[in-house]
């Protein structure tokens, strides 16, 4: 239950302010986010 929703919530909360700046400094982060999102 928490595995699916937890991952979705974390991905939505992270990219909001942590993945955005991280992607700019770390391009590989974008690939990791896409792999997890897909």
PDB file of N, CA and C in Angstrom:
ATOM      1  N   UNK A   1       0.842  -1.194   0.000  1.00  0.00           N
ATOM      2  CA  UNK A   1       0.000   0.000   0.000  1.00  0.00           C
ATOM      3  C   UNK A   1       0.890   1.261   0.000  1.00  0.00           C
ATOM      4  N   UNK A   2       1.813   1.274   0.946  1.00  0.00           N
ATOM      5  CA  UNK A   2       2.689   2.445   1.041  1.00  0.00           C
ATOM      6  C   UNK A   2       3.764   2.417  -0.045  1.00  0.00           C
ATOM      7  N   UNK A   3       3.986   1.220  -0.575  1.00  0.00           N
ATOM      8  CA  UNK A   3       5.048   1.086  -1.591  1.00  0.00           C
ATOM      9  C   UNK A   3       4.658   1.842  -2.860  1.00  0.00           C
ATOM     10  N   UNK A   4       3.430   1.636  -3.309  1.00  0.00           N
ATOM     11  CA  UNK A   4       3.015   2.299  -4.555  1.00  0.00           C
ATOM     12  C   UNK A   4       2.692   3.777  -4.311  1.00  0.00           C
ATOM     13  N   UNK A   5       1.874   4.052  -3.309  1.00  0.00           N
ATOM     14  CA  UNK A   5       1.503   5.447  -3.054  1.00  0.00           C
ATOM     15  C   UNK A   5       2.697   6.226  -2.511  1.00  0.00           C
ATOM     16  N   UNK A   6       3.480   5.585  -1.664  1.00  0.00           N
ATOM     17  CA  UNK A   6       4.649   6.267  -1.088  1.00  0.00           C
ATOM     18  C   UNK A   6       5.590   6.715  -2.190  1.00  0.00           C
ATOM     19  N   UNK A   7       5.848   5.834  -3.157  1.00  0.00           N
ATOM     20  CA  UNK A   7       6.755   6.182  -4.253  1.00  0.00           C
ATOM     21  C   UNK A   7       6.170   7.316  -5.085  1.00  0.00           C
ATOM     22  N   UNK A   8       4.880   7.282  -5.314  1.00  0.00           N
ATOM     23  CA  UNK A   8       4.254   8.325  -6.130  1.00  0.00           C
ATOM     24  C   UNK A   8       4.300   9.669  -5.403  1.00  0.00           C
ATOM     25  N   UNK A   9       3.987   9.642  -4.134  1.00  0.00           N
ATOM     26  CA  UNK A   9       3.974  10.882  -3.338  1.00  0.00           C
ATOM     27  C   UNK A   9       5.391  11.443  -3.228  1.00  0.00           C
ATOM     28  N   UNK A  10       6.345  10.567  -3.040  1.00  0.00           N
ATOM     29  CA  UNK A  10       7.736  11.041  -2.895  1.00  0.00           C
ATOM     30  C   UNK A  10       8.220  11.670  -4.198  1.00  0.00           C
ATOM     31  N   UNK A  11       7.863  11.052  -5.312  1.00  0.00           N
ATOM     32  CA  UNK A  11       8.315  11.571  -6.614  1.00  0.00           C
ATOM     33  C   UNK A  11       7.667  12.932  -6.893  1.00  0.00           C
ATOM     34  N   UNK A  12       6.442  13.106  -6.422  1.00  0.00           N
ATOM     35  CA  UNK A  12       5.745  14.373  -6.677  1.00  0.00           C
ATOM     36  C   UNK A  12       6.276  15.465  -5.751  1.00  0.00           C
ATOM     37  N   UNK A  13       6.670  15.051  -4.548  1.00  0.00           N
ATOM     38  CA  UNK A  13       7.175  16.047  -3.584  1.00  0.00           C
ATOM     39  C   UNK A  13       8.635  16.363  -3.850  1.00  0.00           C
ATOM     40  N   UNK A  14       9.358  15.407  -4.345  1.00  0.00           N
ATOM     41  CA  UNK A  14      10.810  15.615  -4.569  1.00  0.00           C
ATOM     42  C   UNK A  14      11.042  16.556  -5.760  1.00  0.00           C
ATOM     43  N   UNK A  15      10.508  16.227  -6.919  1.00  0.00           N
ATOM     44  CA  UNK A  15      10.722  17.058  -8.111  1.00  0.00           C
ATOM     45  C   UNK A  15      10.203  18.476  -7.912  1.00  0.00           C
ATOM     46  N   UNK A  16       9.338  18.650  -6.941  1.00  0.00           N
ATOM     47  CA  UNK A  16       8.764  19.986  -6.704  1.00  0.00           C
ATOM     48  C   UNK A  16       9.847  20.971  -6.265  1.00  0.00           C
ATOM     49  N   UNK A  17      10.824  20.482  -5.527  1.00  0.00           N
ATOM     50  CA  UNK A  17      11.856  21.414  -5.035  1.00  0.00           C
ATOM     51  C   UNK A  17      13.212  20.749  -4.890  1.00  0.00           C
ATOM     52  N   UNK A  18      13.265  19.439  -5.026  1.00  0.00           N
ATOM     53  CA  UNK A  18      14.572  18.781  -4.863  1.00  0.00           C
ATOM     54  C   UNK A  18      15.075  18.213  -6.180  1.00  0.00           C
ATOM     55  N   UNK A  19      14.189  17.700  -6.968  1.00  0.00           N
ATOM     56  CA  UNK A  19      14.596  17.103  -8.251  1.00  0.00           C
ATOM     57  C   UNK A  19      14.859  18.227  -9.260  1.00  0.00           C
ATOM     58  N   UNK A  20      14.122  19.303  -9.156  1.00  0.00           N
ATOM     59  CA  UNK A  20      14.299  20.415 -10.121  1.00  0.00           C
ATOM     60  C   UNK A  20      15.738  20.929 -10.097  1.00  0.00           C
ATOM     61  N   UNK A  21      16.220  21.425  -8.963  1.00  0.00           N
ATOM     62  CA  UNK A  21      17.600  21.923  -8.867  1.00  0.00           C
ATOM     63  C   UNK A  21      18.611  20.807  -9.072  1.00  0.00           C
ATOM     64  N   UNK A  22      18.266  19.623  -8.641  1.00  0.00           N
ATOM     65  CA  UNK A  22      19.186  18.480  -8.767  1.00  0.00           C
ATOM     66  C   UNK A  22      19.371  18.141 -10.249  1.00  0.00           C
ATOM     67  N   UNK A  23      18.307  18.182 -11.003  1.00  0.00           N
ATOM     68  CA  UNK A  23      18.389  17.852 -12.438  1.00  0.00           C
ATOM     69  C   UNK A  23      19.297  18.854 -13.148  1.00  0.00           C
ATOM     70  N   UNK A  24      19.231  20.089 -12.723  1.00  0.00           N
ATOM     71  CA  UNK A  24      20.058  21.127 -13.364  1.00  0.00           C
ATOM     72  C   UNK A  24      21.531  20.873 -13.067  1.00  0.00           C
ATOM     73  N   UNK A  25      21.808  20.371 -11.869  1.00  0.00           N
ATOM     74  CA  UNK A  25      23.205  20.109 -11.479  1.00  0.00           C
ATOM     75  C   UNK A  25      23.587  18.674 -11.820  1.00  0.00           C
ATOM     76  N   UNK A  26      22.595  17.792 -11.794  1.00  0.00           N
ATOM     77  CA  UNK A  26      22.866  16.366 -12.079  1.00  0.00           C
ATOM     78  C   UNK A  26      21.915  15.854 -13.149  1.00  0.00           C
ATOM     79  N   UNK A  27      22.324  15.861 -14.390  1.00  0.00           N
ATOM     80  CA  UNK A  27      21.474  15.380 -15.491  1.00  0.00           C
ATOM     81  C   UNK A  27      21.039  13.933 -15.299  1.00  0.00           C
ATOM     82  N   UNK A  28      21.868  13.091 -14.704  1.00  0.00           N
ATOM     83  CA  UNK A  28      21.503  11.677 -14.505  1.00  0.00           C
ATOM     84  C   UNK A  28      20.260  11.549 -13.632  1.00  0.00           C
ATOM     85  N   UNK A  29      20.008  12.538 -12.823  1.00  0.00           N
ATOM     86  CA  UNK A  29      18.826  12.483 -11.941  1.00  0.00           C
ATOM     87  C   UNK A  29      17.558  12.411 -12.786  1.00  0.00           C
ATOM     88  N   UNK A  30      17.571  13.117 -13.902  1.00  0.00           N
ATOM     89  CA  UNK A  30      16.394  13.125 -14.776  1.00  0.00           C
ATOM     90  C   UNK A  30      16.118  11.705 -15.266  1.00  0.00           C
ATOM     91  N   UNK A  31      17.161  11.002 -15.622  1.00  0.00           N
ATOM     92  CA  UNK A  31      16.988   9.630 -16.148  1.00  0.00           C
ATOM     93  C   UNK A  31      16.452   8.742 -15.022  1.00  0.00           C
ATOM     94  N   UNK A  32      16.924   8.944 -13.848  1.00  0.00           N
ATOM     95  CA  UNK A  32      16.486   8.105 -12.725  1.00  0.00           C
ATOM     96  C   UNK A  32      14.992   8.388 -12.445  1.00  0.00           C
ATOM     97  N   UNK A  33      14.622   9.628 -12.493  1.00  0.00           N
ATOM     98  CA  UNK A  33      13.224   9.991 -12.232  1.00  0.00           C
ATOM     99  C   UNK A  33      12.325   9.380 -13.310  1.00  0.00           C
ATOM    100  N   UNK A  34      12.768   9.439 -14.552  1.00  0.00           N
ATOM    101  CA  UNK A  34      11.971   8.892 -15.662  1.00  0.00           C
ATOM    102  C   UNK A  34      11.817   7.381 -15.511  1.00  0.00           C
ATOM    103  N   UNK A  35      12.881   6.726 -15.115  1.00  0.00           N
ATOM    104  CA  UNK A  35      12.843   5.264 -14.968  1.00  0.00           C
ATOM    105  C   UNK A  35      11.883   4.897 -13.840  1.00  0.00           C
ATOM    106  N   UNK A  36      11.894   5.692 -12.782  1.00  0.00           N
ATOM    107  CA  UNK A  36      11.019   5.383 -11.636  1.00  0.00           C
ATOM    108  C   UNK A  36       9.564   5.720 -12.000  1.00  0.00           C
ATOM    109  N   UNK A  37       9.391   6.838 -12.685  1.00  0.00           N
ATOM    110  CA  UNK A  37       8.044   7.256 -13.071  1.00  0.00           C
ATOM    111  C   UNK A  37       7.434   6.266 -14.054  1.00  0.00           C
ATOM    112  N   UNK A  38       8.253   5.786 -14.985  1.00  0.00           N
ATOM    113  CA  UNK A  38       7.745   4.848 -15.990  1.00  0.00           C
ATOM    114  C   UNK A  38       7.501   3.529 -15.292  1.00  0.00           C
TER     115      UNK A  38
END
